[in-house]
Amino acid sequence: MTNQDKSGIAQYDSLERWRCPMLGGPVHFGYCRTVNDGLPCARVLECWIQTLPLVEFLKANYRPEDIQRALNTKPKGRLDRMKEAVENASQVDPPETDA
């Protein structure tokens, strides 16, 4: 582990939460801090405030306007994410087959 890993933005990425309220299963902090178009999930405070010094982490690694944008974004639920995945999959051209 490098010094940057110990004190940088990725320092808590491997911490695991037993259940994500949006996904319904275990999730690592690295996912939570990037899921919102590269910004933290809107529920990051709710989920991680008891586990790590989250306010200090956010202030050290994000601009105030990015924190506001991240925390004020309505998180997508499982159904919304599933719909997006189906829509994205339907836009992909099927592979060509040798007929």
PDB file of N, CA and C in Angstrom:
ATOM      1  N   MET A   1       0.850  -1.178   0.000  1.00  0.00           N
ATOM      2  CA  MET A   1       0.000   0.000   0.000  1.00  0.00           C
ATOM      3  C   MET A   1       0.894   1.239   0.000  1.00  0.00           C
ATOM      4  N   THR A   2       0.639   2.162  -0.895  1.00  0.00           N
ATOM      5  CA  THR A   2       1.448   3.368  -0.965  1.00  0.00           C
ATOM      6  C   THR A   2       0.943   4.393   0.033  1.00  0.00           C
ATOM      7  N   ASN A   3       1.741   5.446   0.253  1.00  0.00           N
ATOM      8  CA  ASN A   3       1.306   6.516   1.151  1.00  0.00           C
ATOM      9  C   ASN A   3       0.024   7.154   0.665  1.00  0.00           C
ATOM     10  N   GLN A   4      -0.135   7.276  -0.651  1.00  0.00           N
ATOM     11  CA  GLN A   4      -1.348   7.872  -1.186  1.00  0.00           C
ATOM     12  C   GLN A   4      -2.561   7.011  -0.837  1.00  0.00           C
ATOM     13  N   ASP A   5      -2.397   5.687  -0.887  1.00  0.00           N
ATOM     14  CA  ASP A   5      -3.496   4.803  -0.552  1.00  0.00           C
ATOM     15  C   ASP A   5      -3.916   4.954   0.909  1.00  0.00           C
ATOM     16  N   LYS A   6      -2.951   5.249   1.799  1.00  0.00           N
ATOM     17  CA  LYS A   6      -3.250   5.371   3.220  1.00  0.00           C
ATOM     18  C   LYS A   6      -3.973   6.666   3.560  1.00  0.00           C
ATOM     19  N   SER A   7      -3.770   7.710   2.760  1.00  0.00           N
ATOM     20  CA  SER A   7      -4.379   8.984   3.107  1.00  0.00           C
ATOM     21  C   SER A   7      -5.117   9.637   1.951  1.00  0.00           C
ATOM     22  N   GLY A   8      -5.139   9.035   0.788  1.00  0.00           N
ATOM     23  CA  GLY A   8      -5.786   9.628  -0.370  1.00  0.00           C
ATOM     24  C   GLY A   8      -7.241   9.235  -0.501  1.00  0.00           C
ATOM     25  N   ILE A   9      -7.777   9.530  -1.657  1.00  0.00           N
ATOM     26  CA  ILE A   9      -9.194   9.296  -1.890  1.00  0.00           C
ATOM     27  C   ILE A   9      -9.553   7.809  -1.843  1.00  0.00           C
ATOM     28  N   ALA A  10      -8.615   6.926  -2.142  1.00  0.00           N
ATOM     29  CA  ALA A  10      -8.894   5.488  -2.175  1.00  0.00           C
ATOM     30  C   ALA A  10      -8.635   4.784  -0.838  1.00  0.00           C
ATOM     31  N   GLN A  11      -8.303   5.533   0.201  1.00  0.00           N
ATOM     32  CA  GLN A  11      -7.887   4.917   1.459  1.00  0.00           C
ATOM     33  C   GLN A  11      -8.943   4.018   2.111  1.00  0.00           C
ATOM     34  N   TYR A  12     -10.211   4.267   1.874  1.00  0.00           N
ATOM     35  CA  TYR A  12     -11.277   3.467   2.502  1.00  0.00           C
ATOM     36  C   TYR A  12     -11.994   2.552   1.513  1.00  0.00           C
ATOM     37  N   ASP A  13     -11.519   2.492   0.280  1.00  0.00           N
ATOM     38  CA  ASP A  13     -12.234   1.772  -0.773  1.00  0.00           C
ATOM     39  C   ASP A  13     -12.536   0.322  -0.449  1.00  0.00           C
ATOM     40  N   SER A  14     -11.704  -0.347   0.296  1.00  0.00           N
ATOM     41  CA  SER A  14     -11.920  -1.769   0.561  1.00  0.00           C
ATOM     42  C   SER A  14     -12.869  -2.033   1.736  1.00  0.00           C
ATOM     43  N   LEU A  15     -13.263  -1.004   2.463  1.00  0.00           N
ATOM     44  CA  LEU A  15     -14.223  -1.215   3.556  1.00  0.00           C
ATOM     45  C   LEU A  15     -15.546  -1.689   2.973  1.00  0.00           C
ATOM     46  N   GLU A  16     -16.167  -2.656   3.657  1.00  0.00           N
ATOM     47  CA  GLU A  16     -17.413  -3.226   3.140  1.00  0.00           C
ATOM     48  C   GLU A  16     -18.576  -2.944   4.079  1.00  0.00           C
ATOM     49  N   ARG A  17     -19.677  -2.578   3.498  1.00  0.00           N
ATOM     50  CA  ARG A  17     -20.932  -2.430   4.229  1.00  0.00           C
ATOM     51  C   ARG A  17     -21.726  -3.699   3.951  1.00  0.00           C
ATOM     52  N   TRP A  18     -22.302  -4.258   4.974  1.00  0.00           N
ATOM     53  CA  TRP A  18     -22.973  -5.550   4.825  1.00  0.00           C
ATOM     54  C   TRP A  18     -24.182  -5.489   3.919  1.00  0.00           C
ATOM     55  N   ARG A  19     -24.845  -4.307   3.818  1.00  0.00           N
ATOM     56  CA  ARG A  19     -26.018  -4.221   2.955  1.00  0.00           C
ATOM     57  C   ARG A  19     -26.206  -2.803   2.448  1.00  0.00           C
ATOM     58  N   CYS A  20     -26.212  -2.653   1.154  1.00  0.00           N
ATOM     59  CA  CYS A  20     -26.485  -1.364   0.521  1.00  0.00           C
ATOM     60  C   CYS A  20     -27.992  -1.220   0.392  1.00  0.00           C
ATOM     61  N   PRO A  21     -28.580  -0.107   0.853  1.00  0.00           N
ATOM     62  CA  PRO A  21     -30.028   0.051   0.741  1.00  0.00           C
ATOM     63  C   PRO A  21     -30.519   0.141  -0.705  1.00  0.00           C
ATOM     64  N   MET A  22     -29.642   0.521  -1.623  1.00  0.00           N
ATOM     65  CA  MET A  22     -30.057   0.615  -3.022  1.00  0.00           C
ATOM     66  C   MET A  22     -29.891  -0.704  -3.771  1.00  0.00           C
ATOM     67  N   LEU A  23     -28.828  -1.441  -3.468  1.00  0.00           N
ATOM     68  CA  LEU A  23     -28.541  -2.675  -4.203  1.00  0.00           C
ATOM     69  C   LEU A  23     -29.029  -3.921  -3.487  1.00  0.00           C
ATOM     70  N   GLY A  24     -29.143  -3.839  -2.176  1.00  0.00           N
ATOM     71  CA  GLY A  24     -29.655  -4.962  -1.410  1.00  0.00           C
ATOM     72  C   GLY A  24     -28.621  -5.987  -0.985  1.00  0.00           C
ATOM     73  N   GLY A  25     -27.355  -5.728  -1.254  1.00  0.00           N
ATOM     74  CA  GLY A  25     -26.306  -6.672  -0.886  1.00  0.00           C
ATOM     75  C   GLY A  25     -25.078  -5.938  -0.401  1.00  0.00           C
ATOM     76  N   PRO A  26     -24.008  -6.675  -0.140  1.00  0.00           N
ATOM     77  CA  PRO A  26     -22.781  -6.052   0.341  1.00  0.00           C
ATOM     78  C   PRO A  26     -22.169  -5.139  -0.717  1.00  0.00           C
ATOM     79  N   VAL A  27     -21.488  -4.103  -0.258  1.00  0.00           N
ATOM     80  CA  VAL A  27     -20.867  -3.143  -1.167  1.00  0.00           C
ATOM     81  C   VAL A  27     -19.642  -2.536  -0.494  1.00  0.00           C
ATOM     82  N   HIS A  28     -18.629  -2.227  -1.297  1.00  0.00           N
ATOM     83  CA  HIS A  28     -17.423  -1.580  -0.793  1.00  0.00           C
ATOM     84  C   HIS A  28     -17.557  -0.067  -0.899  1.00  0.00           C
ATOM     85  N   PHE A  29     -16.855   0.637  -0.033  1.00  0.00           N
ATOM     86  CA  PHE A  29     -16.901   2.098  -0.030  1.00  0.00           C
ATOM     87  C   PHE A  29     -16.453   2.671  -1.375  1.00  0.00           C
ATOM     88  N   GLY A  30     -15.527   2.008  -2.043  1.00  0.00           N
ATOM     89  CA  GLY A  30     -15.074   2.476  -3.353  1.00  0.00           C
ATOM     90  C   GLY A  30     -16.224   2.622  -4.329  1.00  0.00           C
ATOM     91  N   TYR A  31     -17.183   1.722  -4.272  1.00  0.00           N
ATOM     92  CA  TYR A  31     -18.381   1.831  -5.111  1.00  0.00           C
ATOM     93  C   TYR A  31     -19.207   3.031  -4.678  1.00  0.00           C
ATOM     94  N   CYS A  32     -19.402   3.174  -3.374  1.00  0.00           N
ATOM     95  CA  CYS A  32     -20.253   4.233  -2.836  1.00  0.00           C
ATOM     96  C   CYS A  32     -19.714   5.633  -3.146  1.00  0.00           C
ATOM     97  N   ARG A  33     -18.407   5.761  -3.223  1.00  0.00           N
ATOM     98  CA  ARG A  33     -17.839   7.083  -3.457  1.00  0.00           C
ATOM     99  C   ARG A  33     -17.770   7.456  -4.934  1.00  0.00           C
ATOM    100  N   THR A  34     -18.120   6.526  -5.836  1.00  0.00           N
ATOM    101  CA  THR A  34     -18.027   6.819  -7.271  1.00  0.00           C
ATOM    102  C   THR A  34     -19.304   6.565  -8.051  1.00  0.00           C
ATOM    103  N   VAL A  35     -20.321   6.014  -7.441  1.00  0.00           N
ATOM    104  CA  VAL A  35     -21.513   5.555  -8.150  1.00  0.00           C
ATOM    105  C   VAL A  35     -22.335   6.680  -8.777  1.00  0.00           C
ATOM    106  N   ASN A  36     -22.205   7.861  -8.291  1.00  0.00           N
ATOM    107  CA  ASN A  36     -23.022   9.001  -8.715  1.00  0.00           C
ATOM    108  C   ASN A  36     -22.255   9.835  -9.744  1.00  0.00           C
ATOM    109  N   ASP A  37     -22.026   9.268 -10.925  1.00  0.00           N
ATOM    110  CA  ASP A  37     -21.238   9.931 -11.978  1.00  0.00           C
ATOM    111  C   ASP A  37     -19.875  10.376 -11.461  1.00  0.00           C
ATOM    112  N   GLY A  38     -19.212   9.491 -10.722  1.00  0.00           N
ATOM    113  CA  GLY A  38     -17.882   9.782 -10.187  1.00  0.00           C
ATOM    114  C   GLY A  38     -17.902  10.463  -8.833  1.00  0.00           C
ATOM    115  N   LEU A  39     -19.074  10.795  -8.350  1.00  0.00           N
ATOM    116  CA  LEU A  39     -19.225  11.416  -7.027  1.00  0.00           C
ATOM    117  C   LEU A  39     -19.847  10.407  -6.071  1.00  0.00           C
ATOM    118  N   PRO A  40     -19.799  10.688  -4.778  1.00  0.00           N
ATOM    119  CA  PRO A  40     -20.398   9.770  -3.807  1.00  0.00           C
ATOM    120  C   PRO A  40     -21.910   9.636  -3.969  1.00  0.00           C
ATOM    121  N   CYS A  41     -22.401   8.520  -3.542  1.00  0.00           N
ATOM    122  CA  CYS A  41     -23.835   8.250  -3.500  1.00  0.00           C
ATOM    123  C   CYS A  41     -24.520   9.272  -2.596  1.00  0.00           C
ATOM    124  N   ALA A  42     -25.749   9.591  -2.905  1.00  0.00           N
ATOM    125  CA  ALA A  42     -26.505  10.535  -2.084  1.00  0.00           C
ATOM    126  C   ALA A  42     -26.725  10.004  -0.663  1.00  0.00           C
ATOM    127  N   ARG A  43     -26.635   8.702  -0.493  1.00  0.00           N
ATOM    128  CA  ARG A  43     -26.847   8.093   0.829  1.00  0.00           C
ATOM    129  C   ARG A  43     -25.544   7.826   1.578  1.00  0.00           C
ATOM    130  N   VAL A  44     -24.443   8.353   1.083  1.00  0.00           N
ATOM    131  CA  VAL A  44     -23.140   8.046   1.684  1.00  0.00           C
ATOM    132  C   VAL A  44     -23.090   8.427   3.166  1.00  0.00           C
ATOM    133  N   LEU A  45     -23.677   9.541   3.527  1.00  0.00           N
ATOM    134  CA  LEU A  45     -23.678   9.933   4.947  1.00  0.00           C
ATOM    135  C   LEU A  45     -24.472   8.944   5.782  1.00  0.00           C
ATOM    136  N   GLU A  46     -25.634   8.604   5.313  1.00  0.00           N
ATOM    137  CA  GLU A  46     -26.513   7.673   6.020  1.00  0.00           C
ATOM    138  C   GLU A  46     -25.833   6.317   6.254  1.00  0.00           C
ATOM    139  N   CYS A  47     -25.096   5.868   5.275  1.00  0.00           N
ATOM    140  CA  CYS A  47     -24.516   4.529   5.346  1.00  0.00           C
ATOM    141  C   CYS A  47     -23.152   4.461   6.037  1.00  0.00           C
ATOM    142  N   TRP A  48     -22.328   5.499   5.908  1.00  0.00           N
ATOM    143  CA  TRP A  48     -20.936   5.392   6.327  1.00  0.00           C
ATOM    144  C   TRP A  48     -20.529   6.302   7.478  1.00  0.00           C
ATOM    145  N   ILE A  49     -21.373   7.185   7.939  1.00  0.00           N
ATOM    146  CA  ILE A  49     -20.989   8.159   8.974  1.00  0.00           C
ATOM    147  C   ILE A  49     -20.558   7.466  10.270  1.00  0.00           C
ATOM    148  N   GLN A  50     -21.111   6.308  10.562  1.00  0.00           N
ATOM    149  CA  GLN A  50     -20.759   5.581  11.793  1.00  0.00           C
ATOM    150  C   GLN A  50     -19.460   4.777  11.637  1.00  0.00           C
ATOM    151  N   THR A  51     -19.010   4.592  10.406  1.00  0.00           N
ATOM    152  CA  THR A  51     -17.890   3.703  10.131  1.00  0.00           C
ATOM    153  C   THR A  51     -16.563   4.422   9.948  1.00  0.00           C
ATOM    154  N   LEU A  52     -16.581   5.600   9.364  1.00  0.00           N
ATOM    155  CA  LEU A  52     -15.344   6.326   9.069  1.00  0.00           C
ATOM    156  C   LEU A  52     -15.557   7.823   9.213  1.00  0.00           C
ATOM    157  N   PRO A  53     -14.469   8.601   9.281  1.00  0.00           N
ATOM    158  CA  PRO A  53     -14.599  10.060   9.427  1.00  0.00           C
ATOM    159  C   PRO A  53     -15.040  10.681   8.096  1.00  0.00           C
ATOM    160  N   LEU A  54     -16.295  10.476   7.770  1.00  0.00           N
ATOM    161  CA  LEU A  54     -16.800  10.785   6.440  1.00  0.00           C
ATOM    162  C   LEU A  54     -16.819  12.271   6.111  1.00  0.00           C
ATOM    163  N   VAL A  55     -17.236  13.100   7.032  1.00  0.00           N
ATOM    164  CA  VAL A  55     -17.294  14.538   6.753  1.00  0.00           C
ATOM    165  C   VAL A  55     -15.901  15.061   6.416  1.00  0.00           C
ATOM    166  N   GLU A  56     -14.918  14.672   7.193  1.00  0.00           N
ATOM    167  CA  GLU A  56     -13.543  15.092   6.929  1.00  0.00           C
ATOM    168  C   GLU A  56     -13.049  14.551   5.586  1.00  0.00           C
ATOM    169  N   PHE A  57     -13.398  13.305   5.298  1.00  0.00           N
ATOM    170  CA  PHE A  57     -13.011  12.689   4.037  1.00  0.00           C
ATOM    171  C   PHE A  57     -13.601  13.462   2.853  1.00  0.00           C
ATOM    172  N   LEU A  58     -14.884  13.763   2.921  1.00  0.00           N
ATOM    173  CA  LEU A  58     -15.532  14.491   1.823  1.00  0.00           C
ATOM    174  C   LEU A  58     -14.911  15.866   1.634  1.00  0.00           C
ATOM    175  N   LYS A  59     -14.699  16.576   2.720  1.00  0.00           N
ATOM    176  CA  LYS A  59     -14.112  17.916   2.631  1.00  0.00           C
ATOM    177  C   LYS A  59     -12.697  17.883   2.062  1.00  0.00           C
ATOM    178  N   ALA A  60     -11.946  16.835   2.380  1.00  0.00           N
ATOM    179  CA  ALA A  60     -10.567  16.731   1.913  1.00  0.00           C
ATOM    180  C   ALA A  60     -10.456  16.322   0.450  1.00  0.00           C
ATOM    181  N   ASN A  61     -11.494  15.662  -0.078  1.00  0.00           N
ATOM    182  CA  ASN A  61     -11.376  15.071  -1.405  1.00  0.00           C
ATOM    183  C   ASN A  61     -12.331  15.619  -2.465  1.00  0.00           C
ATOM    184  N   TYR A  62     -13.284  16.448  -2.071  1.00  0.00           N
ATOM    185  CA  TYR A  62     -14.252  16.974  -3.031  1.00  0.00           C
ATOM    186  C   TYR A  62     -14.465  18.465  -2.815  1.00  0.00           C
ATOM    187  N   ARG A  63     -14.780  19.143  -3.887  1.00  0.00           N
ATOM    188  CA  ARG A  63     -15.120  20.564  -3.791  1.00  0.00           C
ATOM    189  C   ARG A  63     -16.496  20.696  -3.145  1.00  0.00           C
ATOM    190  N   PRO A  64     -16.737  21.797  -2.428  1.00  0.00           N
ATOM    191  CA  PRO A  64     -18.039  21.970  -1.770  1.00  0.00           C
ATOM    192  C   PRO A  64     -19.220  21.827  -2.729  1.00  0.00           C
ATOM    193  N   GLU A  65     -19.099  22.345  -3.942  1.00  0.00           N
ATOM    194  CA  GLU A  65     -20.213  22.245  -4.894  1.00  0.00           C
ATOM    195  C   GLU A  65     -20.432  20.800  -5.348  1.00  0.00           C
ATOM    196  N   ASP A  66     -19.367  19.996  -5.409  1.00  0.00           N
ATOM    197  CA  ASP A  66     -19.517  18.585  -5.763  1.00  0.00           C
ATOM    198  C   ASP A  66     -20.188  17.803  -4.635  1.00  0.00           C
ATOM    199  N   ILE A  67     -19.837  18.130  -3.410  1.00  0.00           N
ATOM    200  CA  ILE A  67     -20.478  17.481  -2.257  1.00  0.00           C
ATOM    201  C   ILE A  67     -21.965  17.806  -2.258  1.00  0.00           C
ATOM    202  N   GLN A  68     -22.303  19.064  -2.462  1.00  0.00           N
ATOM    203  CA  GLN A  68     -23.713  19.473  -2.507  1.00  0.00           C
ATOM    204  C   GLN A  68     -24.451  18.737  -3.618  1.00  0.00           C
ATOM    205  N   ARG A  69     -23.847  18.697  -4.803  1.00  0.00           N
ATOM    206  CA  ARG A  69     -24.486  18.029  -5.939  1.00  0.00           C
ATOM    207  C   ARG A  69     -24.690  16.541  -5.644  1.00  0.00           C
ATOM    208  N   ALA A  70     -23.688  15.906  -5.080  1.00  0.00           N
ATOM    209  CA  ALA A  70     -23.785  14.476  -4.778  1.00  0.00           C
ATOM    210  C   ALA A  70     -24.859  14.192  -3.742  1.00  0.00           C
ATOM    211  N   LEU A  71     -24.868  14.958  -2.681  1.00  0.00           N
ATOM    212  CA  LEU A  71     -25.804  14.686  -1.587  1.00  0.00           C
ATOM    213  C   LEU A  71     -27.233  15.098  -1.907  1.00  0.00           C
ATOM    214  N   ASN A  72     -27.404  15.966  -2.889  1.00  0.00           N
ATOM    215  CA  ASN A  72     -28.749  16.411  -3.259  1.00  0.00           C
ATOM    216  C   ASN A  72     -29.319  15.676  -4.459  1.00  0.00           C
ATOM    217  N   THR A  73     -28.594  14.690  -4.966  1.00  0.00           N
ATOM    218  CA  THR A  73     -29.071  13.877  -6.077  1.00  0.00           C
ATOM    219  C   THR A  73     -29.925  12.759  -5.525  1.00  0.00           C
ATOM    220  N   LYS A  74     -31.108  12.590  -6.096  1.00  0.00           N
ATOM    221  CA  LYS A  74     -31.961  11.495  -5.646  1.00  0.00           C
ATOM    222  C   LYS A  74     -31.357  10.178  -6.116  1.00  0.00           C
ATOM    223  N   PRO A  75     -31.034   9.283  -5.192  1.00  0.00           N
ATOM    224  CA  PRO A  75     -30.426   8.014  -5.600  1.00  0.00           C
ATOM    225  C   PRO A  75     -31.416   7.154  -6.385  1.00  0.00           C
ATOM    226  N   LYS A  76     -30.885   6.417  -7.344  1.00  0.00           N
ATOM    227  CA  LYS A  76     -31.709   5.504  -8.122  1.00  0.00           C
ATOM    228  C   LYS A  76     -31.889   4.216  -7.333  1.00  0.00           C
ATOM    229  N   GLY A  77     -33.072   3.694  -7.362  1.00  0.00           N
ATOM    230  CA  GLY A  77     -33.354   2.428  -6.699  1.00  0.00           C
ATOM    231  C   GLY A  77     -32.999   1.252  -7.587  1.00  0.00           C
ATOM    232  N   ARG A  78     -33.167   0.058  -7.065  1.00  0.00           N
ATOM    233  CA  ARG A  78     -32.841  -1.153  -7.812  1.00  0.00           C
ATOM    234  C   ARG A  78     -33.643  -1.268  -9.100  1.00  0.00           C
ATOM    235  N   LEU A  79     -34.936  -0.947  -9.036  1.00  0.00           N
ATOM    236  CA  LEU A  79     -35.780  -1.068 -10.217  1.00  0.00           C
ATOM    237  C   LEU A  79     -35.312  -0.113 -11.315  1.00  0.00           C
ATOM    238  N   ASP A  80     -34.981   1.122 -10.950  1.00  0.00           N
ATOM    239  CA  ASP A  80     -34.478   2.078 -11.937  1.00  0.00           C
ATOM    240  C   ASP A  80     -33.181   1.593 -12.565  1.00  0.00           C
ATOM    241  N   ARG A  81     -32.287   1.061 -11.750  1.00  0.00           N
ATOM    242  CA  ARG A  81     -31.020   0.546 -12.270  1.00  0.00           C
ATOM    243  C   ARG A  81     -31.238  -0.661 -13.185  1.00  0.00           C
ATOM    244  N   MET A  82     -32.190  -1.511 -12.834  1.00  0.00           N
ATOM    245  CA  MET A  82     -32.490  -2.666 -13.671  1.00  0.00           C
ATOM    246  C   MET A  82     -33.069  -2.219 -15.018  1.00  0.00           C
ATOM    247  N   LYS A  83     -33.965  -1.238 -14.984  1.00  0.00           N
ATOM    248  CA  LYS A  83     -34.534  -0.713 -16.235  1.00  0.00           C
ATOM    249  C   LYS A  83     -33.439  -0.136 -17.120  1.00  0.00           C
ATOM    250  N   GLU A  84     -32.513   0.614 -16.535  1.00  0.00           N
ATOM    251  CA  GLU A  84     -31.405   1.183 -17.294  1.00  0.00           C
ATOM    252  C   GLU A  84     -30.548   0.085 -17.910  1.00  0.00           C
ATOM    253  N   ALA A  85     -30.290  -0.961 -17.149  1.00  0.00           N
ATOM    254  CA  ALA A  85     -29.470  -2.056 -17.656  1.00  0.00           C
ATOM    255  C   ALA A  85     -30.144  -2.738 -18.846  1.00  0.00           C
ATOM    256  N   VAL A  86     -31.458  -2.940 -18.764  1.00  0.00           N
ATOM    257  CA  VAL A  86     -32.195  -3.554 -19.869  1.00  0.00           C
ATOM    258  C   VAL A  86     -32.180  -2.638 -21.087  1.00  0.00           C
ATOM    259  N   GLU A  87     -32.395  -1.354 -20.877  1.00  0.00           N
ATOM    260  CA  GLU A  87     -32.370  -0.397 -21.988  1.00  0.00           C
ATOM    261  C   GLU A  87     -30.988  -0.360 -22.644  1.00  0.00           C
ATOM    262  N   ASN A  88     -29.938  -0.330 -21.833  1.00  0.00           N
ATOM    263  CA  ASN A  88     -28.573  -0.321 -22.378  1.00  0.00           C
ATOM    264  C   ASN A  88     -28.276  -1.602 -23.141  1.00  0.00           C
ATOM    265  N   ALA A  89     -28.731  -2.726 -22.624  1.00  0.00           N
ATOM    266  CA  ALA A  89     -28.485  -4.006 -23.283  1.00  0.00           C
ATOM    267  C   ALA A  89     -29.242  -4.094 -24.601  1.00  0.00           C
ATOM    268  N   SER A  90     -30.426  -3.514 -24.664  1.00  0.00           N
ATOM    269  CA  SER A  90     -31.205  -3.590 -25.898  1.00  0.00           C
ATOM    270  C   SER A  90     -30.631  -2.691 -26.990  1.00  0.00           C
ATOM    271  N   GLN A  91     -29.779  -1.739 -26.628  1.00  0.00           N
ATOM    272  CA  GLN A  91     -29.167  -0.850 -27.609  1.00  0.00           C
ATOM    273  C   GLN A  91     -27.884  -1.422 -28.196  1.00  0.00           C
ATOM    274  N   VAL A  92     -27.399  -2.498 -27.636  1.00  0.00           N
ATOM    275  CA  VAL A  92     -26.175  -3.128 -28.112  1.00  0.00           C
ATOM    276  C   VAL A  92     -26.520  -4.052 -29.270  1.00  0.00           C
ATOM    277  N   ASP A  93     -25.754  -3.966 -30.343  1.00  0.00           N
ATOM    278  CA  ASP A  93     -25.975  -4.850 -31.487  1.00  0.00           C
ATOM    279  C   ASP A  93     -25.604  -6.271 -31.101  1.00  0.00           C
ATOM    280  N   PRO A  94     -26.439  -7.236 -31.484  1.00  0.00           N
ATOM    281  CA  PRO A  94     -26.092  -8.623 -31.167  1.00  0.00           C
ATOM    282  C   PRO A  94     -24.876  -9.052 -31.973  1.00  0.00           C
ATOM    283  N   PRO A  95     -24.105  -9.987 -31.447  1.00  0.00           N
ATOM    284  CA  PRO A  95     -22.924 -10.458 -32.185  1.00  0.00           C
ATOM    285  C   PRO A  95     -23.362 -11.195 -33.446  1.00  0.00           C
ATOM    286  N   GLU A  96     -22.542 -11.082 -34.476  1.00  0.00           N
ATOM    287  CA  GLU A  96     -22.830 -11.800 -35.715  1.00  0.00           C
ATOM    288  C   GLU A  96     -22.529 -13.275 -35.525  1.00  0.00           C
ATOM    289  N   THR A  97     -23.355 -14.096 -36.144  1.00  0.00           N
ATOM    290  CA  THR A  97     -23.139 -15.540 -36.047  1.00  0.00           C
ATOM    291  C   THR A  97     -22.896 -16.105 -37.436  1.00  0.00           C
ATOM    292  N   ASP A  98     -22.188 -17.191 -37.465  1.00  0.00           N
ATOM    293  CA  ASP A  98     -21.968 -17.888 -38.733  1.00  0.00           C
ATOM    294  C   ASP A  98     -23.158 -18.784 -38.980  1.00  0.00           C
ATOM    295  N   ALA A  99     -23.966 -18.431 -39.966  1.00  0.00           N
ATOM    296  CA  ALA A  99     -25.170 -19.217 -40.229  1.00  0.00           C
ATOM    297  C   ALA A  99     -24.979 -20.187 -41.347  1.00  0.00           C
TER     298      ALA A  99
END
